[in-house]
PDB file of all heavy atoms in Angstrom:
ATOM      1  N   LEU A   1     129.841 106.067 100.979  1.00  0.00           N
ATOM      2  CA  LEU A   1     130.023 104.615 101.055  1.00  0.00           C
ATOM      3  C   LEU A   1     128.827 103.827 100.585  1.00  0.00           C
ATOM      4  O   LEU A   1     128.946 102.678 100.182  1.00  0.00           O
ATOM      5  CB  LEU A   1     130.354 104.190 102.492  1.00  0.00           C
ATOM      6  CG  LEU A   1     131.745 104.537 103.003  1.00  0.00           C
ATOM      7  CD1 LEU A   1     131.894 104.129 104.459  1.00  0.00           C
ATOM      8  CD2 LEU A   1     132.814 103.898 102.166  1.00  0.00           C
ATOM      9  N   SER A   2     127.664 104.393 100.669  1.00  0.00           N
ATOM     10  CA  SER A   2     126.418 103.696 100.389  1.00  0.00           C
ATOM     11  C   SER A   2     125.691 104.302  99.203  1.00  0.00           C
ATOM     12  O   SER A   2     125.655 105.498  99.032  1.00  0.00           O
ATOM     13  CB  SER A   2     125.522 103.730 101.609  1.00  0.00           C
ATOM     14  OG  SER A   2     124.285 103.143 101.346  1.00  0.00           O
ATOM     15  N   TRP A   3     125.148 103.463  98.364  1.00  0.00           N
ATOM     16  CA  TRP A   3     124.294 103.926  97.260  1.00  0.00           C
ATOM     17  C   TRP A   3     122.879 104.157  97.777  1.00  0.00           C
ATOM     18  O   TRP A   3     121.973 103.444  97.399  1.00  0.00           O
ATOM     19  CB  TRP A   3     124.286 102.897  96.154  1.00  0.00           C
ATOM     20  CG  TRP A   3     125.539 102.773  95.376  1.00  0.00           C
ATOM     21  CD1 TRP A   3     126.785 103.180  95.747  1.00  0.00           C
ATOM     22  CD2 TRP A   3     125.697 102.214  94.097  1.00  0.00           C
ATOM     23  NE1 TRP A   3     127.691 102.893  94.789  1.00  0.00           N
ATOM     24  CE2 TRP A   3     127.072 102.261  93.768  1.00  0.00           C
ATOM     25  CE3 TRP A   3     124.836 101.552  93.201  1.00  0.00           C
ATOM     26  CZ2 TRP A   3     127.573 101.776  92.579  1.00  0.00           C
ATOM     27  CZ3 TRP A   3     125.329 101.090  92.042  1.00  0.00           C
ATOM     28  CH2 TRP A   3     126.699 101.206  91.698  1.00  0.00           C
ATOM     29  N   VAL A   4     122.737 105.124  98.619  1.00  0.00           N
ATOM     30  CA  VAL A   4     121.418 105.426  99.151  1.00  0.00           C
ATOM     31  C   VAL A   4     120.541 105.979  98.039  1.00  0.00           C
ATOM     32  O   VAL A   4     121.039 106.522  97.050  1.00  0.00           O
ATOM     33  CB  VAL A   4     121.435 106.417 100.333  1.00  0.00           C
ATOM     34  CG1 VAL A   4     122.217 105.822 101.476  1.00  0.00           C
ATOM     35  CG2 VAL A   4     121.978 107.734  99.927  1.00  0.00           C
ATOM     36  N   SER A   5     119.271 105.850  98.173  1.00  0.00           N
ATOM     37  CA  SER A   5     118.368 106.279  97.135  1.00  0.00           C
ATOM     38  C   SER A   5     118.154 107.762  97.108  1.00  0.00           C
ATOM     39  O   SER A   5     117.971 108.387  96.078  1.00  0.00           O
ATOM     40  CB  SER A   5     117.023 105.590  97.250  1.00  0.00           C
ATOM     41  OG  SER A   5     116.416 105.916  98.491  1.00  0.00           O
ATOM     42  N   ALA A   6     118.257 108.399  98.323  1.00  0.00           N
ATOM     43  CA  ALA A   6     117.943 109.813  98.386  1.00  0.00           C
ATOM     44  C   ALA A   6     118.359 110.381  99.755  1.00  0.00           C
ATOM     45  O   ALA A   6     118.661 109.645 100.655  1.00  0.00           O
ATOM     46  CB  ALA A   6     116.463 110.063  98.172  1.00  0.00           C
ATOM     47  N   VAL A   7     118.307 111.687  99.801  1.00  0.00           N
ATOM     48  CA  VAL A   7     118.509 112.396 101.081  1.00  0.00           C
ATOM     49  C   VAL A   7     117.271 113.287 101.287  1.00  0.00           C
ATOM     50  O   VAL A   7     116.832 113.921 100.349  1.00  0.00           O
ATOM     51  CB  VAL A   7     119.782 113.313 101.053  1.00  0.00           C
ATOM     52  CG1 VAL A   7     119.938 114.049 102.370  1.00  0.00           C
ATOM     53  CG2 VAL A   7     121.025 112.468 100.780  1.00  0.00           C
ATOM     54  N   GLU A   8     116.742 113.246 102.493  1.00  0.00           N
ATOM     55  CA  GLU A   8     115.595 114.105 102.823  1.00  0.00           C
ATOM     56  C   GLU A   8     116.118 115.287 103.652  1.00  0.00           C
ATOM     57  O   GLU A   8     116.658 115.085 104.715  1.00  0.00           O
ATOM     58  CB  GLU A   8     114.587 113.308 103.629  1.00  0.00           C
ATOM     59  CG  GLU A   8     113.280 114.020 103.867  1.00  0.00           C
ATOM     60  CD  GLU A   8     112.302 113.112 104.589  1.00  0.00           C
ATOM     61  OE1 GLU A   8     111.952 112.060 104.069  1.00  0.00           O
ATOM     62  OE2 GLU A   8     111.909 113.512 105.700  1.00  0.00           O
ATOM     63  N   VAL A   9     116.001 116.470 103.080  1.00  0.00           N
ATOM     64  CA  VAL A   9     116.507 117.698 103.723  1.00  0.00           C
ATOM     65  C   VAL A   9     115.326 118.546 104.129  1.00  0.00           C
ATOM     66  O   VAL A   9     114.623 119.064 103.232  1.00  0.00           O
ATOM     67  CB  VAL A   9     117.446 118.447 102.782  1.00  0.00           C
ATOM     68  CG1 VAL A   9     117.969 119.704 103.445  1.00  0.00           C
ATOM     69  CG2 VAL A   9     118.590 117.546 102.299  1.00  0.00           C
ATOM     70  N   ASP A  10     115.129 118.723 105.424  1.00  0.00           N
ATOM     71  CA  ASP A  10     114.008 119.501 105.902  1.00  0.00           C
ATOM     72  C   ASP A  10     112.692 119.112 105.228  1.00  0.00           C
ATOM     73  O   ASP A  10     111.906 119.968 104.814  1.00  0.00           O
ATOM     74  CB  ASP A  10     114.252 121.009 105.737  1.00  0.00           C
ATOM     75  CG  ASP A  10     115.358 121.516 106.667  1.00  0.00           C
ATOM     76  OD1 ASP A  10     115.595 120.863 107.700  1.00  0.00           O
ATOM     77  OD2 ASP A  10     115.942 122.582 106.367  1.00  0.00           O
ATOM     78  N   GLY A  11     112.497 117.810 105.040  1.00  0.00           N
ATOM     79  CA  GLY A  11     111.257 117.289 104.460  1.00  0.00           C
ATOM     80  C   GLY A  11     111.251 117.230 102.948  1.00  0.00           C
ATOM     81  O   GLY A  11     110.337 116.653 102.354  1.00  0.00           O
ATOM     82  N   GLN A  12     112.248 117.752 102.257  1.00  0.00           N
ATOM     83  CA  GLN A  12     112.306 117.709 100.799  1.00  0.00           C
ATOM     84  C   GLN A  12     113.260 116.620 100.343  1.00  0.00           C
ATOM     85  O   GLN A  12     114.393 116.528 100.832  1.00  0.00           O
ATOM     86  CB  GLN A  12     112.780 119.085 100.272  1.00  0.00           C
ATOM     87  CG  GLN A  12     112.863 119.119  98.760  1.00  0.00           C
ATOM     88  CD  GLN A  12     113.323 120.483  98.250  1.00  0.00           C
ATOM     89  OE1 GLN A  12     113.517 121.413  99.043  1.00  0.00           O
ATOM     90  NE2 GLN A  12     113.504 120.573  96.953  1.00  0.00           N
ATOM     91  N   LEU A  13     112.784 115.815  99.439  1.00  0.00           N
ATOM     92  CA  LEU A  13     113.602 114.686  98.940  1.00  0.00           C
ATOM     93  C   LEU A  13     114.553 115.145  97.843  1.00  0.00           C
ATOM     94  O   LEU A  13     114.145 115.824  96.876  1.00  0.00           O
ATOM     95  CB  LEU A  13     112.673 113.594  98.406  1.00  0.00           C
ATOM     96  CG  LEU A  13     113.189 112.179  98.411  1.00  0.00           C
ATOM     97  CD1 LEU A  13     113.538 111.712  99.781  1.00  0.00           C
ATOM     98  CD2 LEU A  13     112.201 111.257  97.765  1.00  0.00           C
ATOM     99  N   ILE A  14     115.824 114.794  98.012  1.00  0.00           N
ATOM    100  CA  ILE A  14     116.839 115.128  96.985  1.00  0.00           C
ATOM    101  C   ILE A  14     117.449 113.807  96.512  1.00  0.00           C
ATOM    102  O   ILE A  14     117.915 113.012  97.339  1.00  0.00           O
ATOM    103  CB  ILE A  14     117.897 116.027  97.593  1.00  0.00           C
ATOM    104  CG1 ILE A  14     117.319 117.349  98.009  1.00  0.00           C
ATOM    105  CG2 ILE A  14     119.061 116.273  96.583  1.00  0.00           C
ATOM    106  CD1 ILE A  14     118.253 118.259  98.789  1.00  0.00           C
ATOM    107  N   GLN A  15     117.455 113.602  95.219  1.00  0.00           N
ATOM    108  CA  GLN A  15     118.099 112.421  94.642  1.00  0.00           C
ATOM    109  C   GLN A  15     119.270 112.884  93.812  1.00  0.00           C
ATOM    110  O   GLN A  15     119.082 113.289  92.667  1.00  0.00           O
ATOM    111  CB  GLN A  15     117.089 111.604  93.835  1.00  0.00           C
ATOM    112  CG  GLN A  15     116.041 110.945  94.711  1.00  0.00           C
ATOM    113  CD  GLN A  15     115.081 110.078  93.966  1.00  0.00           C
ATOM    114  OE1 GLN A  15     114.119 110.590  93.388  1.00  0.00           O
ATOM    115  NE2 GLN A  15     115.345 108.780  93.977  1.00  0.00           N
ATOM    116  N   ASP A  16     120.485 112.808  94.367  1.00  0.00           N
ATOM    117  CA  ASP A  16     121.696 113.178  93.648  1.00  0.00           C
ATOM    118  C   ASP A  16     122.015 112.193  92.550  1.00  0.00           C
ATOM    119  O   ASP A  16     122.539 112.602  91.492  1.00  0.00           O
ATOM    120  CB  ASP A  16     122.905 113.195  94.615  1.00  0.00           C
ATOM    121  CG  ASP A  16     123.220 114.552  95.190  1.00  0.00           C
ATOM    122  OD1 ASP A  16     122.605 115.525  94.749  1.00  0.00           O
ATOM    123  OD2 ASP A  16     124.109 114.630  96.035  1.00  0.00           O
ATOM    124  N   GLU A  17     121.715 110.971  92.781  1.00  0.00           N
ATOM    125  CA  GLU A  17     122.022 109.902  91.847  1.00  0.00           C
ATOM    126  C   GLU A  17     120.738 109.358  91.248  1.00  0.00           C
ATOM    127  O   GLU A  17     119.748 109.188  91.951  1.00  0.00           O
ATOM    128  CB  GLU A  17     122.780 108.771  92.523  1.00  0.00           C
ATOM    129  CG  GLU A  17     124.138 109.124  93.023  1.00  0.00           C
ATOM    130  CD  GLU A  17     125.145 109.295  91.880  1.00  0.00           C
ATOM    131  OE1 GLU A  17     125.032 108.568  90.880  1.00  0.00           O
ATOM    132  OE2 GLU A  17     126.012 110.175  92.019  1.00  0.00           O
ATOM    133  N   PRO A  18     120.777 109.066  89.940  1.00  0.00           N
ATOM    134  CA  PRO A  18     119.591 108.391  89.374  1.00  0.00           C
ATOM    135  C   PRO A  18     119.472 106.983  89.887  1.00  0.00           C
ATOM    136  O   PRO A  18     120.438 106.392  90.337  1.00  0.00           O
ATOM    137  CB  PRO A  18     119.896 108.415  87.862  1.00  0.00           C
ATOM    138  CG  PRO A  18     121.362 108.453  87.760  1.00  0.00           C
ATOM    139  CD  PRO A  18     121.854 109.240  88.971  1.00  0.00           C
ATOM    140  N   GLU A  19     118.291 106.453  89.831  1.00  0.00           N
ATOM    141  CA  GLU A  19     118.099 105.059  90.266  1.00  0.00           C
ATOM    142  C   GLU A  19     118.773 104.149  89.220  1.00  0.00           C
ATOM    143  O   GLU A  19     118.575 104.315  88.039  1.00  0.00           O
ATOM    144  CB  GLU A  19     116.630 104.746  90.421  1.00  0.00           C
ATOM    145  CG  GLU A  19     116.014 105.478  91.569  1.00  0.00           C
ATOM    146  CD  GLU A  19     114.581 105.081  91.887  1.00  0.00           C
ATOM    147  OE1 GLU A  19     114.023 104.206  91.181  1.00  0.00           O
ATOM    148  OE2 GLU A  19     114.019 105.660  92.842  1.00  0.00           O
ATOM    149  N   HIS A  20     119.568 103.225  89.709  1.00  0.00           N
ATOM    150  CA  HIS A  20     120.320 102.320  88.847  1.00  0.00           C
ATOM    151  C   HIS A  20     119.466 101.087  88.518  1.00  0.00           C
ATOM    152  O   HIS A  20     118.860 100.502  89.394  1.00  0.00           O
ATOM    153  CB  HIS A  20     121.625 101.912  89.480  1.00  0.00           C
ATOM    154  CG  HIS A  20     122.505 103.085  89.841  1.00  0.00           C
ATOM    155  ND1 HIS A  20     123.331 103.685  88.891  1.00  0.00           N
ATOM    156  CD2 HIS A  20     122.634 103.781  90.989  1.00  0.00           C
ATOM    157  CE1 HIS A  20     123.965 104.662  89.478  1.00  0.00           C
ATOM    158  NE2 HIS A  20     123.578 104.782  90.730  1.00  0.00           N
ATOM    159  N   SER A  21     119.497 100.686  87.251  1.00  0.00           N
ATOM    160  CA  SER A  21     118.635  99.584  86.823  1.00  0.00           C
ATOM    161  C   SER A  21     119.009  98.256  87.417  1.00  0.00           C
ATOM    162  O   SER A  21     118.191  97.355  87.461  1.00  0.00           O
ATOM    163  CB  SER A  21     118.625  99.512  85.306  1.00  0.00           C
ATOM    164  OG  SER A  21     119.929  99.252  84.819  1.00  0.00           O
ATOM    165  N   VAL A  22     120.239  98.120  87.910  1.00  0.00           N
ATOM    166  CA  VAL A  22     120.662  96.821  88.467  1.00  0.00           C
ATOM    167  C   VAL A  22     120.218  96.647  89.920  1.00  0.00           C
ATOM    168  O   VAL A  22     120.363  95.586  90.478  1.00  0.00           O
ATOM    169  CB  VAL A  22     122.196  96.676  88.391  1.00  0.00           C
ATOM    170  CG1 VAL A  22     122.672  96.618  86.967  1.00  0.00           C
ATOM    171  CG2 VAL A  22     122.914  97.746  89.179  1.00  0.00           C
ATOM    172  N   LEU A  23     119.685  97.686  90.528  1.00  0.00           N
ATOM    173  CA  LEU A  23     119.234  97.623  91.924  1.00  0.00           C
ATOM    174  C   LEU A  23     117.685  97.648  92.008  1.00  0.00           C
ATOM    175  O   LEU A  23     117.050  98.235  91.153  1.00  0.00           O
ATOM    176  CB  LEU A  23     119.798  98.793  92.749  1.00  0.00           C
ATOM    177  CG  LEU A  23     121.334  98.872  92.807  1.00  0.00           C
ATOM    178  CD1 LEU A  23     121.750 100.146  93.511  1.00  0.00           C
ATOM    179  CD2 LEU A  23     121.923  97.660  93.520  1.00  0.00           C
ATOM    180  N   ARG A  24     117.175  97.074  93.032  1.00  0.00           N
ATOM    181  CA  ARG A  24     115.736  97.091  93.256  1.00  0.00           C
ATOM    182  C   ARG A  24     115.417  98.168  94.313  1.00  0.00           C
ATOM    183  O   ARG A  24     115.967  98.138  95.418  1.00  0.00           O
ATOM    184  CB  ARG A  24     115.208  95.769  93.753  1.00  0.00           C
ATOM    185  CG  ARG A  24     115.294  94.719  92.702  1.00  0.00           C
ATOM    186  CD  ARG A  24     114.620  93.459  93.206  1.00  0.00           C
ATOM    187  NE  ARG A  24     114.688  92.450  92.138  1.00  0.00           N
ATOM    188  CZ  ARG A  24     114.474  91.178  92.361  1.00  0.00           C
ATOM    189  NH1 ARG A  24     114.201  90.749  93.544  1.00  0.00           N
ATOM    190  NH2 ARG A  24     114.549  90.344  91.352  1.00  0.00           N
ATOM    191  N   TYR A  25     114.573  99.084  93.977  1.00  0.00           N
ATOM    192  CA  TYR A  25     114.207 100.191  94.866  1.00  0.00           C
ATOM    193  C   TYR A  25     112.779  99.996  95.332  1.00  0.00           C
ATOM    194  O   TYR A  25     111.864  99.863  94.522  1.00  0.00           O
ATOM    195  CB  TYR A  25     114.276 101.544  94.125  1.00  0.00           C
ATOM    196  CG  TYR A  25     115.674 101.907  93.728  1.00  0.00           C
ATOM    197  CD1 TYR A  25     116.256 101.430  92.559  1.00  0.00           C
ATOM    198  CD2 TYR A  25     116.432 102.769  94.531  1.00  0.00           C
ATOM    199  CE1 TYR A  25     117.558 101.789  92.198  1.00  0.00           C
ATOM    200  CE2 TYR A  25     117.737 103.134  94.164  1.00  0.00           C
ATOM    201  CZ  TYR A  25     118.273 102.641  92.989  1.00  0.00           C
ATOM    202  OH  TYR A  25     119.536 102.988  92.619  1.00  0.00           O
ATOM    203  N   PRO A  26     112.549  99.987  96.628  1.00  0.00           N
ATOM    204  CA  PRO A  26     111.174  99.959  97.127  1.00  0.00           C
ATOM    205  C   PRO A  26     110.518 101.307  96.824  1.00  0.00           C
ATOM    206  O   PRO A  26     111.232 102.287  96.578  1.00  0.00           O
ATOM    207  CB  PRO A  26     111.325  99.726  98.633  1.00  0.00           C
ATOM    208  CG  PRO A  26     112.726  99.972  98.957  1.00  0.00           C
ATOM    209  CD  PRO A  26     113.541  99.957  97.721  1.00  0.00           C
ATOM    210  N   PRO A  27     109.206 101.368  96.841  1.00  0.00           N
ATOM    211  CA  PRO A  27     108.524 102.669  96.686  1.00  0.00           C
ATOM    212  C   PRO A  27     109.040 103.653  97.715  1.00  0.00           C
ATOM    213  O   PRO A  27     109.351 103.253  98.861  1.00  0.00           O
ATOM    214  CB  PRO A  27     107.036 102.341  96.898  1.00  0.00           C
ATOM    215  CG  PRO A  27     106.936 100.870  96.644  1.00  0.00           C
ATOM    216  CD  PRO A  27     108.229 100.277  97.053  1.00  0.00           C
ATOM    217  N   LEU A  28     109.129 104.926  97.381  1.00  0.00           N
ATOM    218  CA  LEU A  28     109.687 105.941  98.258  1.00  0.00           C
ATOM    219  C   LEU A  28     109.119 105.930  99.681  1.00  0.00           C
ATOM    220  O   LEU A  28     109.841 106.022 100.652  1.00  0.00           O
ATOM    221  CB  LEU A  28     109.534 107.329  97.655  1.00  0.00           C
ATOM    222  CG  LEU A  28     110.670 107.746  96.691  1.00  0.00           C
ATOM    223  CD1 LEU A  28     110.349 109.047  95.975  1.00  0.00           C
ATOM    224  CD2 LEU A  28     111.960 107.882  97.457  1.00  0.00           C
ATOM    225  N   PRO A  29     107.791 105.827  99.837  1.00  0.00           N
ATOM    226  CA  PRO A  29     107.259 105.820 101.214  1.00  0.00           C
ATOM    227  C   PRO A  29     107.732 104.643 102.073  1.00  0.00           C
ATOM    228  O   PRO A  29     107.682 104.709 103.279  1.00  0.00           O
ATOM    229  CB  PRO A  29     105.716 105.777 101.027  1.00  0.00           C
ATOM    230  CG  PRO A  29     105.527 106.208  99.622  1.00  0.00           C
ATOM    231  CD  PRO A  29     106.718 105.831  98.849  1.00  0.00           C
ATOM    232  N   GLU A  30     108.156 103.551 101.436  1.00  0.00           N
ATOM    233  CA  GLU A  30     108.600 102.354 102.134  1.00  0.00           C
ATOM    234  C   GLU A  30     110.078 102.302 102.452  1.00  0.00           C
ATOM    235  O   GLU A  30     110.544 101.411 103.124  1.00  0.00           O
ATOM    236  CB  GLU A  30     108.187 101.117 101.337  1.00  0.00           C
ATOM    237  CG  GLU A  30     106.702 100.920 101.209  1.00  0.00           C
ATOM    238  CD  GLU A  30     106.356  99.761 100.335  1.00  0.00           C
ATOM    239  OE1 GLU A  30     107.192  98.880 100.102  1.00  0.00           O
ATOM    240  OE2 GLU A  30     105.185  99.731  99.857  1.00  0.00           O
ATOM    241  N   ARG A  31     110.797 103.257 101.917  1.00  0.00           N
ATOM    242  CA  ARG A  31     112.260 103.293 102.151  1.00  0.00           C
ATOM    243  C   ARG A  31     112.573 103.681 103.595  1.00  0.00           C
ATOM    244  O   ARG A  31     111.879 104.538 104.178  1.00  0.00           O
ATOM    245  CB  ARG A  31     112.949 104.200 101.184  1.00  0.00           C
ATOM    246  CG  ARG A  31     112.802 103.688  99.763  1.00  0.00           C
ATOM    247  CD  ARG A  31     113.479 104.541  98.729  1.00  0.00           C
ATOM    248  NE  ARG A  31     113.010 104.085  97.398  1.00  0.00           N
ATOM    249  CZ  ARG A  31     113.370 104.655  96.286  1.00  0.00           C
ATOM    250  NH1 ARG A  31     114.178 105.696  96.289  1.00  0.00           N
ATOM    251  NH2 ARG A  31     112.890 104.199  95.129  1.00  0.00           N
ATOM    252  N   LYS A  32     113.574 103.066 104.154  1.00  0.00           N
ATOM    253  CA  LYS A  32     113.941 103.297 105.570  1.00  0.00           C
ATOM    254  C   LYS A  32     114.637 104.647 105.708  1.00  0.00           C
ATOM    255  O   LYS A  32     115.610 104.944 105.036  1.00  0.00           O
ATOM    256  CB  LYS A  32     114.859 102.204 106.012  1.00  0.00           C
ATOM    257  CG  LYS A  32     115.262 102.239 107.447  1.00  0.00           C
ATOM    258  CD  LYS A  32     116.108 101.029 107.803  1.00  0.00           C
ATOM    259  CE  LYS A  32     116.409 101.023 109.282  1.00  0.00           C
ATOM    260  NZ  LYS A  32     117.151  99.818 109.661  1.00  0.00           N
ATOM    261  N   ARG A  33     114.126 105.479 106.609  1.00  0.00           N
ATOM    262  CA  ARG A  33     114.718 106.781 106.887  1.00  0.00           C
ATOM    263  C   ARG A  33     115.774 106.624 107.993  1.00  0.00           C
ATOM    264  O   ARG A  33     115.518 105.996 109.013  1.00  0.00           O
ATOM    265  CB  ARG A  33     113.657 107.767 107.401  1.00  0.00           C
ATOM    266  CG  ARG A  33     112.900 108.613 106.412  1.00  0.00           C
ATOM    267  CD  ARG A  33     112.550 108.021 105.132  1.00  0.00           C
ATOM    268  NE  ARG A  33     111.893 108.999 104.254  1.00  0.00           N
ATOM    269  CZ  ARG A  33     111.342 108.640 103.130  1.00  0.00           C
ATOM    270  NH1 ARG A  33     111.365 107.410 102.735  1.00  0.00           N
ATOM    271  NH2 ARG A  33     110.766 109.562 102.362  1.00  0.00           N
ATOM    272  N   VAL A  34     116.958 107.174 107.724  1.00  0.00           N
ATOM    273  CA  VAL A  34     118.042 107.129 108.711  1.00  0.00           C
ATOM    274  C   VAL A  34     118.373 108.577 109.041  1.00  0.00           C
ATOM    275  O   VAL A  34     118.852 109.342 108.180  1.00  0.00           O
ATOM    276  CB  VAL A  34     119.274 106.399 108.135  1.00  0.00           C
ATOM    277  CG1 VAL A  34     120.405 106.437 109.127  1.00  0.00           C
ATOM    278  CG2 VAL A  34     118.900 104.984 107.751  1.00  0.00           C
ATOM    279  N   ILE A  35     118.125 108.969 110.275  1.00  0.00           N
ATOM    280  CA  ILE A  35     118.356 110.326 110.720  1.00  0.00           C
ATOM    281  C   ILE A  35     119.827 110.527 111.091  1.00  0.00           C
ATOM    282  O   ILE A  35     120.348 109.736 111.906  1.00  0.00           O
ATOM    283  CB  ILE A  35     117.452 110.715 111.908  1.00  0.00           C
ATOM    284  CG1 ILE A  35     115.996 110.551 111.519  1.00  0.00           C
ATOM    285  CG2 ILE A  35     117.755 112.100 112.420  1.00  0.00           C
ATOM    286  CD1 ILE A  35     115.005 110.611 112.677  1.00  0.00           C
ATOM    287  N   ILE A  36     120.470 111.513 110.528  1.00  0.00           N
ATOM    288  CA  ILE A  36     121.868 111.827 110.855  1.00  0.00           C
ATOM    289  C   ILE A  36     121.811 113.208 111.459  1.00  0.00           C
ATOM    290  O   ILE A  36     121.597 114.199 110.765  1.00  0.00           O
ATOM    291  CB  ILE A  36     122.777 111.746 109.630  1.00  0.00           C
ATOM    292  CG1 ILE A  36     122.785 110.336 109.028  1.00  0.00           C
ATOM    293  CG2 ILE A  36     124.187 112.200 109.981  1.00  0.00           C
ATOM    294  CD1 ILE A  36     123.584 110.161 107.778  1.00  0.00           C
ATOM    295  N   ASP A  37     122.047 113.273 112.789  1.00  0.00           N
ATOM    296  CA  ASP A  37     121.977 114.578 113.460  1.00  0.00           C
ATOM    297  C   ASP A  37     123.174 114.877 114.385  1.00  0.00           C
ATOM    298  O   ASP A  37     123.180 115.812 115.155  1.00  0.00           O
ATOM    299  CB  ASP A  37     120.665 114.743 114.219  1.00  0.00           C
ATOM    300  CG  ASP A  37     120.530 113.735 115.360  1.00  0.00           C
ATOM    301  OD1 ASP A  37     121.447 112.933 115.572  1.00  0.00           O
ATOM    302  OD2 ASP A  37     119.514 113.747 116.044  1.00  0.00           O
ATOM    303  N   GLY A  38     124.149 113.967 114.332  1.00  0.00           N
ATOM    304  CA  GLY A  38     125.320 114.159 115.163  1.00  0.00           C
ATOM    305  C   GLY A  38     125.232 113.547 116.561  1.00  0.00           C
ATOM    306  O   GLY A  38     126.189 113.607 117.315  1.00  0.00           O
ATOM    307  N   THR A  39     124.093 113.029 116.925  1.00  0.00           N
ATOM    308  CA  THR A  39     123.930 112.396 118.218  1.00  0.00           C
ATOM    309  C   THR A  39     123.921 110.881 118.132  1.00  0.00           C
ATOM    310  O   THR A  39     123.688 110.208 119.101  1.00  0.00           O
ATOM    311  CB  THR A  39     122.621 112.874 118.903  1.00  0.00           C
ATOM    312  OG1 THR A  39     121.533 112.464 118.116  1.00  0.00           O
ATOM    313  CG2 THR A  39     122.648 114.370 119.094  1.00  0.00           C
TER     314      THR A  39
END
């Protein structure tokens, strides 16, 4: 549902999708981490 910039898997960054030129991306360290763990 969301055009997230990346997924962090066990500390490793995975970018399935390239960054789209129509969107503004903050620097990677400034991007908000959202933990999905089932809880």
